[in-house]
Amino acid sequence: MPSFKCSDIGMKCGFETSAGSQDELMKRIAEHAREAHGMTTIPDDVLEQVKKAIRP
């Protein structure tokens, strides 16, 4: 089950999530980024960091 933590990309944030698929995980991450960090879009460099930080 893929999982992600904001802290793994250097954010001072306690957000952690996991999902049954990578697609669902990315939806949860995007929703969190919008609601908690005010990101209407995720910049390419941050997206790359997120993808590298996802744990299988």
PDB file of N, CA and C in Angstrom:
ATOM      1  N   MET A   1       0.846  -1.179   0.000  1.00  0.00           N
ATOM      2  CA  MET A   1       0.000   0.000   0.000  1.00  0.00           C
ATOM      3  C   MET A   1       0.890   1.240   0.000  1.00  0.00           C
ATOM      4  N   PRO A   2       0.840   2.047  -1.058  1.00  0.00           N
ATOM      5  CA  PRO A   2       1.696   3.236  -1.116  1.00  0.00           C
ATOM      6  C   PRO A   2       1.344   4.242  -0.032  1.00  0.00           C
ATOM      7  N   SER A   3       2.380   4.917   0.478  1.00  0.00           N
ATOM      8  CA  SER A   3       2.164   5.913   1.531  1.00  0.00           C
ATOM      9  C   SER A   3       3.083   7.111   1.306  1.00  0.00           C
ATOM     10  N   PHE A   4       2.733   8.217   1.980  1.00  0.00           N
ATOM     11  CA  PHE A   4       3.473   9.470   1.828  1.00  0.00           C
ATOM     12  C   PHE A   4       3.381  10.273   3.114  1.00  0.00           C
ATOM     13  N   LYS A   5       4.477  10.986   3.425  1.00  0.00           N
ATOM     14  CA  LYS A   5       4.516  11.933   4.542  1.00  0.00           C
ATOM     15  C   LYS A   5       5.070  13.252   4.022  1.00  0.00           C
ATOM     16  N   CYS A   6       4.417  14.352   4.357  1.00  0.00           N
ATOM     17  CA  CYS A   6       4.923  15.679   3.969  1.00  0.00           C
ATOM     18  C   CYS A   6       6.341  15.895   4.506  1.00  0.00           C
ATOM     19  N   SER A   7       6.590  15.420   5.702  1.00  0.00           N
ATOM     20  CA  SER A   7       7.905  15.636   6.316  1.00  0.00           C
ATOM     21  C   SER A   7       9.037  15.008   5.497  1.00  0.00           C
ATOM     22  N   ASP A   8       8.721  13.995   4.681  1.00  0.00           N
ATOM     23  CA  ASP A   8       9.750  13.349   3.859  1.00  0.00           C
ATOM     24  C   ASP A   8      10.260  14.241   2.729  1.00  0.00           C
ATOM     25  N   ILE A   9       9.543  15.319   2.441  1.00  0.00           N
ATOM     26  CA  ILE A   9      10.032  16.262   1.426  1.00  0.00           C
ATOM     27  C   ILE A   9      10.406  17.603   2.063  1.00  0.00           C
ATOM     28  N   GLY A  10      10.638  17.572   3.375  1.00  0.00           N
ATOM     29  CA  GLY A  10      11.135  18.755   4.063  1.00  0.00           C
ATOM     30  C   GLY A  10      10.078  19.717   4.567  1.00  0.00           C
ATOM     31  N   MET A  11       8.806  19.339   4.479  1.00  0.00           N
ATOM     32  CA  MET A  11       7.740  20.219   4.961  1.00  0.00           C
ATOM     33  C   MET A  11       7.606  20.050   6.473  1.00  0.00           C
ATOM     34  N   LYS A  12       7.335  21.145   7.164  1.00  0.00           N
ATOM     35  CA  LYS A  12       7.063  21.082   8.604  1.00  0.00           C
ATOM     36  C   LYS A  12       5.567  20.846   8.751  1.00  0.00           C
ATOM     37  N   CYS A  13       5.179  19.594   8.502  1.00  0.00           N
ATOM     38  CA  CYS A  13       3.771  19.224   8.438  1.00  0.00           C
ATOM     39  C   CYS A  13       3.656  17.771   8.864  1.00  0.00           C
ATOM     40  N   GLY A  14       2.663  17.465   9.664  1.00  0.00           N
ATOM     41  CA  GLY A  14       2.489  16.110  10.164  1.00  0.00           C
ATOM     42  C   GLY A  14       1.613  15.230   9.290  1.00  0.00           C
ATOM     43  N   PHE A  15       1.276  15.699   8.095  1.00  0.00           N
ATOM     44  CA  PHE A  15       0.386  14.927   7.221  1.00  0.00           C
ATOM     45  C   PHE A  15       1.028  13.619   6.788  1.00  0.00           C
ATOM     46  N   GLU A  16       0.267  12.540   6.938  1.00  0.00           N
ATOM     47  CA  GLU A  16       0.653  11.210   6.460  1.00  0.00           C
ATOM     48  C   GLU A  16      -0.588  10.587   5.856  1.00  0.00           C
ATOM     49  N   THR A  17      -0.420   9.868   4.750  1.00  0.00           N
ATOM     50  CA  THR A  17      -1.555   9.186   4.152  1.00  0.00           C
ATOM     51  C   THR A  17      -1.082   7.942   3.420  1.00  0.00           C
ATOM     52  N   SER A  18      -2.011   7.034   3.207  1.00  0.00           N
ATOM     53  CA  SER A  18      -1.748   5.853   2.393  1.00  0.00           C
ATOM     54  C   SER A  18      -3.033   5.544   1.643  1.00  0.00           C
ATOM     55  N   ALA A  19      -2.902   4.739   0.595  1.00  0.00           N
ATOM     56  CA  ALA A  19      -4.071   4.414  -0.226  1.00  0.00           C
ATOM     57  C   ALA A  19      -3.831   3.068  -0.904  1.00  0.00           C
ATOM     58  N   GLY A  20      -4.882   2.537  -1.483  1.00  0.00           N
ATOM     59  CA  GLY A  20      -4.799   1.247  -2.149  1.00  0.00           C
ATOM     60  C   GLY A  20      -4.084   1.291  -3.490  1.00  0.00           C
ATOM     61  N   SER A  21      -3.939   2.489  -4.051  1.00  0.00           N
ATOM     62  CA  SER A  21      -3.255   2.627  -5.343  1.00  0.00           C
ATOM     63  C   SER A  21      -2.498   3.954  -5.386  1.00  0.00           C
ATOM     64  N   GLN A  22      -1.562   4.044  -6.303  1.00  0.00           N
ATOM     65  CA  GLN A  22      -0.784   5.275  -6.478  1.00  0.00           C
ATOM     66  C   GLN A  22      -1.700   6.417  -6.926  1.00  0.00           C
ATOM     67  N   ASP A  23      -2.667   6.121  -7.791  1.00  0.00           N
ATOM     68  CA  ASP A  23      -3.586   7.162  -8.265  1.00  0.00           C
ATOM     69  C   ASP A  23      -4.391   7.757  -7.111  1.00  0.00           C
ATOM     70  N   GLU A  24      -4.921   6.890  -6.248  1.00  0.00           N
ATOM     71  CA  GLU A  24      -5.698   7.369  -5.111  1.00  0.00           C
ATOM     72  C   GLU A  24      -4.809   8.160  -4.154  1.00  0.00           C
ATOM     73  N   LEU A  25      -3.581   7.686  -3.957  1.00  0.00           N
ATOM     74  CA  LEU A  25      -2.639   8.396  -3.086  1.00  0.00           C
ATOM     75  C   LEU A  25      -2.375   9.796  -3.621  1.00  0.00           C
ATOM     76  N   MET A  26      -2.140   9.919  -4.920  1.00  0.00           N
ATOM     77  CA  MET A  26      -1.873  11.235  -5.505  1.00  0.00           C
ATOM     78  C   MET A  26      -3.074  12.164  -5.357  1.00  0.00           C
ATOM     79  N   LYS A  27      -4.284  11.635  -5.440  1.00  0.00           N
ATOM     80  CA  LYS A  27      -5.482  12.457  -5.228  1.00  0.00           C
ATOM     81  C   LYS A  27      -5.511  12.993  -3.800  1.00  0.00           C
ATOM     82  N   ARG A  28      -5.184  12.128  -2.839  1.00  0.00           N
ATOM     83  CA  ARG A  28      -5.177  12.553  -1.436  1.00  0.00           C
ATOM     84  C   ARG A  28      -4.098  13.601  -1.182  1.00  0.00           C
ATOM     85  N   ILE A  29      -2.938  13.405  -1.792  1.00  0.00           N
ATOM     86  CA  ILE A  29      -1.841  14.362  -1.629  1.00  0.00           C
ATOM     87  C   ILE A  29      -2.228  15.712  -2.239  1.00  0.00           C
ATOM     88  N   ALA A  30      -2.817  15.690  -3.430  1.00  0.00           N
ATOM     89  CA  ALA A  30      -3.229  16.938  -4.094  1.00  0.00           C
ATOM     90  C   ALA A  30      -4.281  17.673  -3.270  1.00  0.00           C
ATOM     91  N   GLU A  31      -5.236  16.931  -2.702  1.00  0.00           N
ATOM     92  CA  GLU A  31      -6.268  17.545  -1.868  1.00  0.00           C
ATOM     93  C   GLU A  31      -5.639  18.186  -0.627  1.00  0.00           C
ATOM     94  N   HIS A  32      -4.706  17.481  -0.003  1.00  0.00           N
ATOM     95  CA  HIS A  32      -4.019  18.030   1.171  1.00  0.00           C
ATOM     96  C   HIS A  32      -3.212  19.274   0.796  1.00  0.00           C
ATOM     97  N   ALA A  33      -2.495  19.209  -0.313  1.00  0.00           N
ATOM     98  CA  ALA A  33      -1.685  20.352  -0.751  1.00  0.00           C
ATOM     99  C   ALA A  33      -2.556  21.583  -0.962  1.00  0.00           C
ATOM    100  N   ARG A  34      -3.730  21.376  -1.511  1.00  0.00           N
ATOM    101  CA  ARG A  34      -4.652  22.493  -1.756  1.00  0.00           C
ATOM    102  C   ARG A  34      -5.201  23.043  -0.440  1.00  0.00           C
ATOM    103  N   GLU A  35      -5.697  22.139   0.416  1.00  0.00           N
ATOM    104  CA  GLU A  35      -6.358  22.585   1.642  1.00  0.00           C
ATOM    105  C   GLU A  35      -5.393  23.103   2.706  1.00  0.00           C
ATOM    106  N   ALA A  36      -4.264  22.427   2.896  1.00  0.00           N
ATOM    107  CA  ALA A  36      -3.357  22.777   3.993  1.00  0.00           C
ATOM    108  C   ALA A  36      -2.247  23.738   3.579  1.00  0.00           C
ATOM    109  N   HIS A  37      -1.833  23.660   2.319  1.00  0.00           N
ATOM    110  CA  HIS A  37      -0.687  24.457   1.886  1.00  0.00           C
ATOM    111  C   HIS A  37      -1.049  25.511   0.844  1.00  0.00           C
ATOM    112  N   GLY A  38      -2.331  25.595   0.476  1.00  0.00           N
ATOM    113  CA  GLY A  38      -2.785  26.623  -0.449  1.00  0.00           C
ATOM    114  C   GLY A  38      -2.280  26.456  -1.875  1.00  0.00           C
ATOM    115  N   MET A  39      -1.910  25.248  -2.242  1.00  0.00           N
ATOM    116  CA  MET A  39      -1.396  24.993  -3.596  1.00  0.00           C
ATOM    117  C   MET A  39      -2.557  24.620  -4.518  1.00  0.00           C
ATOM    118  N   THR A  40      -2.889  25.495  -5.453  1.00  0.00           N
ATOM    119  CA  THR A  40      -3.938  25.160  -6.415  1.00  0.00           C
ATOM    120  C   THR A  40      -3.404  24.195  -7.463  1.00  0.00           C
ATOM    121  N   THR A  41      -2.113  24.260  -7.713  1.00  0.00           N
ATOM    122  CA  THR A  41      -1.418  23.265  -8.541  1.00  0.00           C
ATOM    123  C   THR A  41      -0.123  22.920  -7.820  1.00  0.00           C
ATOM    124  N   ILE A  42       0.366  21.728  -8.076  1.00  0.00           N
ATOM    125  CA  ILE A  42       1.627  21.307  -7.465  1.00  0.00           C
ATOM    126  C   ILE A  42       2.736  21.555  -8.485  1.00  0.00           C
ATOM    127  N   PRO A  43       3.711  22.406  -8.146  1.00  0.00           N
ATOM    128  CA  PRO A  43       4.807  22.685  -9.077  1.00  0.00           C
ATOM    129  C   PRO A  43       5.556  21.402  -9.459  1.00  0.00           C
ATOM    130  N   ASP A  44       6.087  21.368 -10.666  1.00  0.00           N
ATOM    131  CA  ASP A  44       6.768  20.169 -11.161  1.00  0.00           C
ATOM    132  C   ASP A  44       7.882  19.691 -10.238  1.00  0.00           C
ATOM    133  N   ASP A  45       8.670  20.617  -9.690  1.00  0.00           N
ATOM    134  CA  ASP A  45       9.770  20.203  -8.826  1.00  0.00           C
ATOM    135  C   ASP A  45       9.259  19.563  -7.537  1.00  0.00           C
ATOM    136  N   VAL A  46       8.160  20.077  -7.004  1.00  0.00           N
ATOM    137  CA  VAL A  46       7.565  19.496  -5.793  1.00  0.00           C
ATOM    138  C   VAL A  46       6.944  18.142  -6.128  1.00  0.00           C
ATOM    139  N   LEU A  47       6.302  18.043  -7.277  1.00  0.00           N
ATOM    140  CA  LEU A  47       5.705  16.778  -7.706  1.00  0.00           C
ATOM    141  C   LEU A  47       6.766  15.690  -7.815  1.00  0.00           C
ATOM    142  N   GLU A  48       7.914  16.020  -8.350  1.00  0.00           N
ATOM    143  CA  GLU A  48       9.017  15.048  -8.442  1.00  0.00           C
ATOM    144  C   GLU A  48       9.476  14.610  -7.047  1.00  0.00           C
ATOM    145  N   GLN A  49       9.572  15.557  -6.123  1.00  0.00           N
ATOM    146  CA  GLN A  49       9.953  15.220  -4.742  1.00  0.00           C
ATOM    147  C   GLN A  49       8.919  14.296  -4.124  1.00  0.00           C
ATOM    148  N   VAL A  50       7.646  14.598  -4.348  1.00  0.00           N
ATOM    149  CA  VAL A  50       6.560  13.775  -3.812  1.00  0.00           C
ATOM    150  C   VAL A  50       6.672  12.354  -4.352  1.00  0.00           C
ATOM    151  N   LYS A  51       6.830  12.222  -5.662  1.00  0.00           N
ATOM    152  CA  LYS A  51       6.920  10.883  -6.276  1.00  0.00           C
ATOM    153  C   LYS A  51       8.098  10.084  -5.729  1.00  0.00           C
ATOM    154  N   LYS A  52       9.219  10.755  -5.506  1.00  0.00           N
ATOM    155  CA  LYS A  52      10.389  10.063  -4.960  1.00  0.00           C
ATOM    156  C   LYS A  52      10.201   9.654  -3.508  1.00  0.00           C
ATOM    157  N   ALA A  53       9.347  10.374  -2.784  1.00  0.00           N
ATOM    158  CA  ALA A  53       9.141  10.116  -1.352  1.00  0.00           C
ATOM    159  C   ALA A  53       8.053   9.069  -1.075  1.00  0.00           C
ATOM    160  N   ILE A  54       7.309   8.684  -2.107  1.00  0.00           N
ATOM    161  CA  ILE A  54       6.244   7.690  -1.910  1.00  0.00           C
ATOM    162  C   ILE A  54       6.876   6.337  -1.592  1.00  0.00           C
ATOM    163  N   ARG A  55       6.368   5.743  -0.530  1.00  0.00           N
ATOM    164  CA  ARG A  55       6.860   4.425  -0.104  1.00  0.00           C
ATOM    165  C   ARG A  55       5.882   3.368  -0.590  1.00  0.00           C
ATOM    166  N   PRO A  56       6.402   2.262  -1.090  1.00  0.00           N
ATOM    167  CA  PRO A  56       5.512   1.195  -1.615  1.00  0.00           C
ATOM    168  C   PRO A  56       4.689   0.511  -0.533  1.00  0.00           C
TER     169      PRO A  56
END
